[in-house]
């Protein structure tokens, strides 16, 4: 599932492929990924406009045009890639944006759990982001602590609640909690100042590394690098990792370190 680092990577794809370029053609190959907008209105609103500096909030990508804003959410299987217009479109390429003779943005998504929205103005952008918490990459320590301690649920559940903190998914939450040596079932509102400070620090460090990699990297020194092993062990202490479900999500953690 695309998490904050993946969407930051898609933002860079949009920036390098299309920033400053005129949208010459919008080809909607599957209207099932469009939300609150039809194919004709999407074309009419975007064709002839120019992509400007894209933005990201949590798992949302904001494709600015100086007028309407194209809002993209990638669900579990969505991707944004830059291709040549002459390249054969794949079965899961849902919407194509031609921006030059040799450049075409493609929204590709197998499962179509989210998709594309069109915000006519800033109030439309604000409406779509209304239930999002602060962005996990930029939230400061005080706002982070206030957001977490306002909730009684498990810290893993709270971290992955987009209304509390935008951008973290399952892999990131497990990785950050392992680094911070906190059990995923710990109550968020019972964390002390030291716990919160350590959690915020490791969240920032983990996100910065993951953003550089463009994904949550399965490195040997990371929990993520071992969670799918047949008999996973903690890369820090060698203890056999445990698997459980927290808030309905598959969770991997170290019973010794956490």
C-alpha atoms as a PDB file:
ATOM      1  CA  UNK A   1       0.000   0.000   0.000  1.00  0.00           C
ATOM      2  CA  UNK A   2       1.460   3.416  -0.908  1.00  0.00           C
ATOM      3  CA  UNK A   3       2.402   5.358   2.224  1.00  0.00           C
ATOM      4  CA  UNK A   4       3.824   8.846   2.658  1.00  0.00           C
ATOM      5  CA  UNK A   5       7.267   8.028   1.125  1.00  0.00           C
ATOM      6  CA  UNK A   6       5.662   6.487  -1.962  1.00  0.00           C
ATOM      7  CA  UNK A   7       3.377   9.483  -2.485  1.00  0.00           C
ATOM      8  CA  UNK A   8       6.328  11.827  -2.030  1.00  0.00           C
ATOM      9  CA  UNK A   9       7.979   9.826  -4.802  1.00  0.00           C
ATOM     10  CA  UNK A  10       4.885  10.286  -6.994  1.00  0.00           C
ATOM     11  CA  UNK A  11       5.064  14.026  -6.282  1.00  0.00           C
ATOM     12  CA  UNK A  12       8.604  14.012  -7.672  1.00  0.00           C
ATOM     13  CA  UNK A  13       7.444  12.076 -10.734  1.00  0.00           C
ATOM     14  CA  UNK A  14       4.781  14.704 -11.379  1.00  0.00           C
ATOM     15  CA  UNK A  15       7.268  17.517 -10.829  1.00  0.00           C
ATOM     16  CA  UNK A  16       9.982  16.180 -13.129  1.00  0.00           C
ATOM     17  CA  UNK A  17       7.643  14.900 -15.818  1.00  0.00           C
ATOM     18  CA  UNK A  18       5.029  17.629 -16.036  1.00  0.00           C
ATOM     19  CA  UNK A  19       5.735  20.784 -14.011  1.00  0.00           C
ATOM     20  CA  UNK A  20       5.457  23.833 -16.228  1.00  0.00           C
ATOM     21  CA  UNK A  21       3.968  21.840 -19.095  1.00  0.00           C
ATOM     22  CA  UNK A  22       0.551  22.321 -20.689  1.00  0.00           C
ATOM     23  CA  UNK A  23      -1.930  19.473 -20.353  1.00  0.00           C
ATOM     24  CA  UNK A  24      -2.586  18.747 -24.010  1.00  0.00           C
ATOM     25  CA  UNK A  25      -4.900  15.788 -23.614  1.00  0.00           C
ATOM     26  CA  UNK A  26      -6.703  13.931 -20.826  1.00  0.00           C
ATOM     27  CA  UNK A  27      -7.630  10.372 -21.735  1.00  0.00           C
ATOM     28  CA  UNK A  28      -9.921   8.682 -19.222  1.00  0.00           C
ATOM     29  CA  UNK A  29      -9.736   4.957 -19.912  1.00  0.00           C
ATOM     30  CA  UNK A  30     -11.726   3.937 -16.815  1.00  0.00           C
ATOM     31  CA  UNK A  31     -14.257   6.242 -15.166  1.00  0.00           C
ATOM     32  CA  UNK A  32     -14.286   3.949 -12.130  1.00  0.00           C
ATOM     33  CA  UNK A  33     -11.360   5.905 -10.649  1.00  0.00           C
ATOM     34  CA  UNK A  34     -13.110   9.269 -10.952  1.00  0.00           C
ATOM     35  CA  UNK A  35     -14.898  10.643  -7.889  1.00  0.00           C
ATOM     36  CA  UNK A  36     -17.366  13.524  -7.927  1.00  0.00           C
ATOM     37  CA  UNK A  37     -16.328  14.404 -11.483  1.00  0.00           C
ATOM     38  CA  UNK A  38     -17.100  12.961 -14.907  1.00  0.00           C
ATOM     39  CA  UNK A  39     -14.654  12.365 -17.726  1.00  0.00           C
ATOM     40  CA  UNK A  40     -15.907  15.302 -19.812  1.00  0.00           C
ATOM     41  CA  UNK A  41     -15.694  17.809 -16.966  1.00  0.00           C
ATOM     42  CA  UNK A  42     -12.233  16.576 -16.048  1.00  0.00           C
ATOM     43  CA  UNK A  43     -11.052  17.098 -19.617  1.00  0.00           C
ATOM     44  CA  UNK A  44     -12.712  20.502 -19.923  1.00  0.00           C
ATOM     45  CA  UNK A  45     -11.228  21.664 -16.621  1.00  0.00           C
ATOM     46  CA  UNK A  46      -7.662  20.508 -17.236  1.00  0.00           C
ATOM     47  CA  UNK A  47      -6.896  20.521 -20.971  1.00  0.00           C
ATOM     48  CA  UNK A  48      -5.009  23.702 -21.856  1.00  0.00           C
ATOM     49  CA  UNK A  49      -3.959  24.309 -18.252  1.00  0.00           C
ATOM     50  CA  UNK A  50      -0.379  24.066 -17.054  1.00  0.00           C
ATOM     51  CA  UNK A  51       0.819  21.902 -14.158  1.00  0.00           C
ATOM     52  CA  UNK A  52       2.534  24.006 -11.486  1.00  0.00           C
ATOM     53  CA  UNK A  53       4.430  22.945  -8.338  1.00  0.00           C
ATOM     54  CA  UNK A  54       2.736  19.811  -6.920  1.00  0.00           C
ATOM     55  CA  UNK A  55       2.107  19.354  -3.211  1.00  0.00           C
ATOM     56  CA  UNK A  56       1.514  16.434  -0.890  1.00  0.00           C
ATOM     57  CA  UNK A  57      -0.440  16.074   2.341  1.00  0.00           C
ATOM     58  CA  UNK A  58      -0.235  12.681   3.974  1.00  0.00           C
ATOM     59  CA  UNK A  59      -1.178  10.169   1.284  1.00  0.00           C
ATOM     60  CA  UNK A  60      -2.827  12.792  -0.944  1.00  0.00           C
ATOM     61  CA  UNK A  61      -1.097  14.294  -3.982  1.00  0.00           C
ATOM     62  CA  UNK A  62      -2.209  17.748  -5.099  1.00  0.00           C
ATOM     63  CA  UNK A  63      -1.564  18.431  -8.785  1.00  0.00           C
ATOM     64  CA  UNK A  64      -1.859  22.202  -8.988  1.00  0.00           C
ATOM     65  CA  UNK A  65      -2.661  24.021 -12.235  1.00  0.00           C
ATOM     66  CA  UNK A  66      -3.119  27.633 -11.139  1.00  0.00           C
ATOM     67  CA  UNK A  67      -6.852  26.958 -11.350  1.00  0.00           C
ATOM     68  CA  UNK A  68      -8.543  23.634 -10.530  1.00  0.00           C
ATOM     69  CA  UNK A  69      -6.478  21.190  -8.476  1.00  0.00           C
ATOM     70  CA  UNK A  70      -6.360  17.518  -9.403  1.00  0.00           C
ATOM     71  CA  UNK A  71      -6.389  15.483  -6.182  1.00  0.00           C
ATOM     72  CA  UNK A  72      -4.952  11.966  -6.332  1.00  0.00           C
ATOM     73  CA  UNK A  73      -5.155   9.209  -3.721  1.00  0.00           C
ATOM     74  CA  UNK A  74      -3.469   5.902  -4.463  1.00  0.00           C
ATOM     75  CA  UNK A  75      -5.356   3.504  -2.221  1.00  0.00           C
ATOM     76  CA  UNK A  76      -3.609   0.139  -2.005  1.00  0.00           C
ATOM     77  CA  UNK A  77      -2.265  -0.318  -5.533  1.00  0.00           C
ATOM     78  CA  UNK A  78      -2.150   3.109  -7.188  1.00  0.00           C
ATOM     79  CA  UNK A  79       0.920   4.562  -8.890  1.00  0.00           C
ATOM     80  CA  UNK A  80       1.884   7.619 -10.926  1.00  0.00           C
ATOM     81  CA  UNK A  81       4.477   7.213 -13.651  1.00  0.00           C
ATOM     82  CA  UNK A  82       5.940   9.083 -16.577  1.00  0.00           C
ATOM     83  CA  UNK A  83       5.794   7.366 -19.966  1.00  0.00           C
ATOM     84  CA  UNK A  84       6.043   8.138 -23.667  1.00  0.00           C
ATOM     85  CA  UNK A  85       2.666   8.722 -25.332  1.00  0.00           C
ATOM     86  CA  UNK A  86       3.511   6.049 -27.904  1.00  0.00           C
ATOM     87  CA  UNK A  87       4.110   3.399 -25.245  1.00  0.00           C
ATOM     88  CA  UNK A  88       1.325   0.831 -25.140  1.00  0.00           C
ATOM     89  CA  UNK A  89      -0.988   1.521 -22.220  1.00  0.00           C
ATOM     90  CA  UNK A  90      -1.194  -1.273 -19.675  1.00  0.00           C
ATOM     91  CA  UNK A  91      -4.480  -2.789 -18.544  1.00  0.00           C
ATOM     92  CA  UNK A  92      -4.432  -0.877 -15.258  1.00  0.00           C
ATOM     93  CA  UNK A  93      -3.537   2.540 -16.727  1.00  0.00           C
ATOM     94  CA  UNK A  94      -6.767   4.345 -15.850  1.00  0.00           C
ATOM     95  CA  UNK A  95      -6.144   8.020 -16.746  1.00  0.00           C
ATOM     96  CA  UNK A  96      -3.470   9.426 -19.083  1.00  0.00           C
ATOM     97  CA  UNK A  97      -2.309  13.064 -19.142  1.00  0.00           C
ATOM     98  CA  UNK A  98      -0.304  13.961 -22.241  1.00  0.00           C
ATOM     99  CA  UNK A  99       1.913  16.990 -21.502  1.00  0.00           C
ATOM    100  CA  UNK A 100       4.379  16.886 -24.424  1.00  0.00           C
ATOM    101  CA  UNK A 101       5.134  14.953 -27.592  1.00  0.00           C
ATOM    102  CA  UNK A 102       7.345  12.659 -25.514  1.00  0.00           C
ATOM    103  CA  UNK A 103       5.789  12.829 -22.040  1.00  0.00           C
ATOM    104  CA  UNK A 104       2.650  11.382 -20.563  1.00  0.00           C
ATOM    105  CA  UNK A 105       1.628  11.024 -16.913  1.00  0.00           C
ATOM    106  CA  UNK A 106      -0.222   7.809 -16.164  1.00  0.00           C
ATOM    107  CA  UNK A 107      -2.383   7.015 -13.161  1.00  0.00           C
ATOM    108  CA  UNK A 108      -2.135   3.244 -12.822  1.00  0.00           C
ATOM    109  CA  UNK A 109      -4.207   1.323 -10.292  1.00  0.00           C
ATOM    110  CA  UNK A 110      -5.156  -2.335 -10.191  1.00  0.00           C
ATOM    111  CA  UNK A 111      -7.763  -2.400  -7.428  1.00  0.00           C
ATOM    112  CA  UNK A 112      -9.269   1.089  -7.860  1.00  0.00           C
ATOM    113  CA  UNK A 113      -9.941   1.625  -4.146  1.00  0.00           C
ATOM    114  CA  UNK A 114      -9.344   5.375  -4.392  1.00  0.00           C
ATOM    115  CA  UNK A 115      -8.619   7.517  -7.435  1.00  0.00           C
ATOM    116  CA  UNK A 116      -8.951  11.099  -8.675  1.00  0.00           C
ATOM    117  CA  UNK A 117     -10.961  14.109  -7.540  1.00  0.00           C
ATOM    118  CA  UNK A 118     -11.140  17.630  -8.958  1.00  0.00           C
ATOM    119  CA  UNK A 119     -11.201  20.621  -6.617  1.00  0.00           C
ATOM    120  CA  UNK A 120     -12.360  23.784  -8.384  1.00  0.00           C
ATOM    121  CA  UNK A 121     -10.809  26.097  -5.797  1.00  0.00           C
ATOM    122  CA  UNK A 122      -9.116  26.151  -2.385  1.00  0.00           C
ATOM    123  CA  UNK A 123     -12.363  25.532  -0.560  1.00  0.00           C
ATOM    124  CA  UNK A 124     -12.698  22.314  -2.546  1.00  0.00           C
ATOM    125  CA  UNK A 125      -9.151  21.290  -1.593  1.00  0.00           C
ATOM    126  CA  UNK A 126      -9.884  22.082   2.048  1.00  0.00           C
ATOM    127  CA  UNK A 127     -13.085  20.021   1.938  1.00  0.00           C
ATOM    128  CA  UNK A 128     -11.268  16.946   0.656  1.00  0.00           C
ATOM    129  CA  UNK A 129      -8.523  17.316   3.261  1.00  0.00           C
ATOM    130  CA  UNK A 130     -10.888  18.307   6.054  1.00  0.00           C
ATOM    131  CA  UNK A 131     -10.650  14.997   7.919  1.00  0.00           C
ATOM    132  CA  UNK A 132      -6.879  14.691   7.606  1.00  0.00           C
ATOM    133  CA  UNK A 133      -4.599  15.239  10.567  1.00  0.00           C
ATOM    134  CA  UNK A 134      -1.266  17.080  10.346  1.00  0.00           C
ATOM    135  CA  UNK A 135       1.269  15.691   7.897  1.00  0.00           C
ATOM    136  CA  UNK A 136       3.545  13.145   9.585  1.00  0.00           C
ATOM    137  CA  UNK A 137       6.677  14.481   7.883  1.00  0.00           C
ATOM    138  CA  UNK A 138       6.244  18.075   9.019  1.00  0.00           C
ATOM    139  CA  UNK A 139       4.298  17.911  12.303  1.00  0.00           C
ATOM    140  CA  UNK A 140       6.230  19.382  15.224  1.00  0.00           C
ATOM    141  CA  UNK A 141       6.717  17.601  18.526  1.00  0.00           C
ATOM    142  CA  UNK A 142       4.087  19.547  20.454  1.00  0.00           C
ATOM    143  CA  UNK A 143       1.350  19.015  17.870  1.00  0.00           C
ATOM    144  CA  UNK A 144       2.348  15.365  17.543  1.00  0.00           C
ATOM    145  CA  UNK A 145       2.103  14.797  21.307  1.00  0.00           C
ATOM    146  CA  UNK A 146      -1.232  16.604  21.511  1.00  0.00           C
ATOM    147  CA  UNK A 147      -2.676  14.545  18.648  1.00  0.00           C
ATOM    148  CA  UNK A 148      -1.650  11.196  20.144  1.00  0.00           C
ATOM    149  CA  UNK A 149      -2.530  11.803  23.774  1.00  0.00           C
ATOM    150  CA  UNK A 150      -6.044  12.930  22.835  1.00  0.00           C
ATOM    151  CA  UNK A 151      -6.866   9.317  21.960  1.00  0.00           C
ATOM    152  CA  UNK A 152      -7.306   6.260  24.164  1.00  0.00           C
ATOM    153  CA  UNK A 153      -6.682   3.624  21.516  1.00  0.00           C
ATOM    154  CA  UNK A 154      -3.538   1.603  20.963  1.00  0.00           C
ATOM    155  CA  UNK A 155      -0.619   3.671  19.731  1.00  0.00           C
ATOM    156  CA  UNK A 156      -0.435   1.657  16.498  1.00  0.00           C
ATOM    157  CA  UNK A 157      -4.113   2.303  15.757  1.00  0.00           C
ATOM    158  CA  UNK A 158      -3.731   6.008  16.507  1.00  0.00           C
ATOM    159  CA  UNK A 159      -0.579   6.383  14.388  1.00  0.00           C
ATOM    160  CA  UNK A 160      -2.314   4.890  11.355  1.00  0.00           C
ATOM    161  CA  UNK A 161      -5.520   6.911  11.769  1.00  0.00           C
ATOM    162  CA  UNK A 162      -5.320   9.515   8.987  1.00  0.00           C
ATOM    163  CA  UNK A 163      -7.608  11.835  10.936  1.00  0.00           C
ATOM    164  CA  UNK A 164      -4.992  11.948  13.703  1.00  0.00           C
ATOM    165  CA  UNK A 165      -1.798  11.931  11.643  1.00  0.00           C
ATOM    166  CA  UNK A 166      -1.696  11.896   7.855  1.00  0.00           C
ATOM    167  CA  UNK A 167       0.680   9.664   5.944  1.00  0.00           C
ATOM    168  CA  UNK A 168       1.555   6.626   8.046  1.00  0.00           C
ATOM    169  CA  UNK A 169       0.493   3.119   7.077  1.00  0.00           C
ATOM    170  CA  UNK A 170       1.073  -0.347   8.410  1.00  0.00           C
ATOM    171  CA  UNK A 171       4.748  -0.811   7.525  1.00  0.00           C
ATOM    172  CA  UNK A 172       5.803   2.606   8.736  1.00  0.00           C
ATOM    173  CA  UNK A 173       3.922   2.327  12.008  1.00  0.00           C
ATOM    174  CA  UNK A 174       5.520  -1.029  12.853  1.00  0.00           C
ATOM    175  CA  UNK A 175       8.973   0.251  11.884  1.00  0.00           C
ATOM    176  CA  UNK A 176       8.672   3.456  13.917  1.00  0.00           C
ATOM    177  CA  UNK A 177       7.324   1.684  17.009  1.00  0.00           C
ATOM    178  CA  UNK A 178      10.116  -0.893  16.840  1.00  0.00           C
ATOM    179  CA  UNK A 179      12.735   1.858  16.615  1.00  0.00           C
ATOM    180  CA  UNK A 180      11.134   3.729  19.500  1.00  0.00           C
ATOM    181  CA  UNK A 181      10.945   0.495  21.557  1.00  0.00           C
ATOM    182  CA  UNK A 182       7.219   0.861  22.140  1.00  0.00           C
ATOM    183  CA  UNK A 183       4.756  -2.012  22.078  1.00  0.00           C
ATOM    184  CA  UNK A 184       2.070  -1.423  19.435  1.00  0.00           C
ATOM    185  CA  UNK A 185      -0.699  -2.205  21.921  1.00  0.00           C
ATOM    186  CA  UNK A 186       0.402   0.535  24.356  1.00  0.00           C
ATOM    187  CA  UNK A 187      -2.308   3.098  24.994  1.00  0.00           C
ATOM    188  CA  UNK A 188      -1.593   6.367  23.192  1.00  0.00           C
ATOM    189  CA  UNK A 189      -2.943   8.527  26.005  1.00  0.00           C
ATOM    190  CA  UNK A 190      -0.703   6.761  28.544  1.00  0.00           C
ATOM    191  CA  UNK A 191       2.596   7.554  26.840  1.00  0.00           C
ATOM    192  CA  UNK A 192       4.840   9.822  28.899  1.00  0.00           C
ATOM    193  CA  UNK A 193       6.962  12.729  27.680  1.00  0.00           C
ATOM    194  CA  UNK A 194       9.998  10.518  27.102  1.00  0.00           C
ATOM    195  CA  UNK A 195       7.951   8.020  25.076  1.00  0.00           C
ATOM    196  CA  UNK A 196       6.392  10.756  22.954  1.00  0.00           C
ATOM    197  CA  UNK A 197       9.701  12.489  22.346  1.00  0.00           C
ATOM    198  CA  UNK A 198      11.390   9.241  21.328  1.00  0.00           C
ATOM    199  CA  UNK A 199       8.469   8.287  19.085  1.00  0.00           C
ATOM    200  CA  UNK A 200       8.467  11.655  17.326  1.00  0.00           C
ATOM    201  CA  UNK A 201      12.236  11.554  16.800  1.00  0.00           C
ATOM    202  CA  UNK A 202      12.187   8.079  15.300  1.00  0.00           C
ATOM    203  CA  UNK A 203       9.174   8.899  13.152  1.00  0.00           C
ATOM    204  CA  UNK A 204      11.027  11.809  11.573  1.00  0.00           C
ATOM    205  CA  UNK A 205      14.214   9.810  11.061  1.00  0.00           C
ATOM    206  CA  UNK A 206      12.371   6.851   9.583  1.00  0.00           C
ATOM    207  CA  UNK A 207      10.348   9.035   7.232  1.00  0.00           C
ATOM    208  CA  UNK A 208      13.396  10.926   6.004  1.00  0.00           C
ATOM    209  CA  UNK A 209      15.187   7.687   5.160  1.00  0.00           C
ATOM    210  CA  UNK A 210      12.101   6.215   3.528  1.00  0.00           C
ATOM    211  CA  UNK A 211      11.430   9.361   1.484  1.00  0.00           C
ATOM    212  CA  UNK A 212      15.010   9.249   0.181  1.00  0.00           C
ATOM    213  CA  UNK A 213      14.482   5.611  -0.811  1.00  0.00           C
ATOM    214  CA  UNK A 214      11.057   6.352  -2.319  1.00  0.00           C
ATOM    215  CA  UNK A 215       9.449   3.598  -0.249  1.00  0.00           C
ATOM    216  CA  UNK A 216       9.701   1.826   3.104  1.00  0.00           C
ATOM    217  CA  UNK A 217      12.970   0.029   2.309  1.00  0.00           C
ATOM    218  CA  UNK A 218      13.323  -3.661   3.292  1.00  0.00           C
ATOM    219  CA  UNK A 219      16.849  -3.179   4.650  1.00  0.00           C
ATOM    220  CA  UNK A 220      18.493  -5.849   6.803  1.00  0.00           C
ATOM    221  CA  UNK A 221      18.852  -3.364   9.662  1.00  0.00           C
ATOM    222  CA  UNK A 222      15.139  -2.492   9.544  1.00  0.00           C
ATOM    223  CA  UNK A 223      12.227  -4.440  10.967  1.00  0.00           C
ATOM    224  CA  UNK A 224      10.663  -4.111   7.517  1.00  0.00           C
ATOM    225  CA  UNK A 225      13.500  -6.144   6.054  1.00  0.00           C
ATOM    226  CA  UNK A 226      12.540  -9.187   8.143  1.00  0.00           C
ATOM    227  CA  UNK A 227       8.772  -9.075   8.683  1.00  0.00           C
ATOM    228  CA  UNK A 228       8.082 -11.363   5.713  1.00  0.00           C
ATOM    229  CA  UNK A 229      10.796 -13.916   6.543  1.00  0.00           C
ATOM    230  CA  UNK A 230       9.505 -17.464   7.192  1.00  0.00           C
ATOM    231  CA  UNK A 231      10.831 -17.296  10.772  1.00  0.00           C
ATOM    232  CA  UNK A 232      11.550 -13.600  11.358  1.00  0.00           C
ATOM    233  CA  UNK A 233      13.930 -12.461  14.075  1.00  0.00           C
ATOM    234  CA  UNK A 234      14.602  -8.991  15.417  1.00  0.00           C
ATOM    235  CA  UNK A 235      17.541  -7.376  13.585  1.00  0.00           C
ATOM    236  CA  UNK A 236      18.516  -5.626  16.826  1.00  0.00           C
ATOM    237  CA  UNK A 237      18.437  -8.384  19.450  1.00  0.00           C
ATOM    238  CA  UNK A 238      17.832 -11.629  17.545  1.00  0.00           C
ATOM    239  CA  UNK A 239      14.584 -12.463  19.359  1.00  0.00           C
ATOM    240  CA  UNK A 240      11.893 -14.174  17.299  1.00  0.00           C
ATOM    241  CA  UNK A 241       9.389 -11.587  16.170  1.00  0.00           C
ATOM    242  CA  UNK A 242       5.713 -11.935  16.964  1.00  0.00           C
ATOM    243  CA  UNK A 243       2.793 -11.465  14.619  1.00  0.00           C
ATOM    244  CA  UNK A 244      -0.581 -10.281  15.809  1.00  0.00           C
ATOM    245  CA  UNK A 245      -3.414  -7.995  14.758  1.00  0.00           C
ATOM    246  CA  UNK A 246      -3.857  -4.524  16.188  1.00  0.00           C
ATOM    247  CA  UNK A 247      -6.871  -2.534  15.084  1.00  0.00           C
ATOM    248  CA  UNK A 248      -7.501  -5.117  12.373  1.00  0.00           C
ATOM    249  CA  UNK A 249      -4.018  -4.707  10.896  1.00  0.00           C
ATOM    250  CA  UNK A 250      -1.312  -7.344  10.672  1.00  0.00           C
ATOM    251  CA  UNK A 251       1.370  -6.272  13.124  1.00  0.00           C
ATOM    252  CA  UNK A 252       4.951  -7.436  13.649  1.00  0.00           C
ATOM    253  CA  UNK A 253       6.882  -6.571  16.812  1.00  0.00           C
ATOM    254  CA  UNK A 254       9.706  -7.721  19.067  1.00  0.00           C
ATOM    255  CA  UNK A 255       8.609  -8.946  22.518  1.00  0.00           C
ATOM    256  CA  UNK A 256      12.030  -8.185  23.960  1.00  0.00           C
ATOM    257  CA  UNK A 257      12.795  -4.757  22.459  1.00  0.00           C
ATOM    258  CA  UNK A 258       9.259  -3.439  22.735  1.00  0.00           C
END
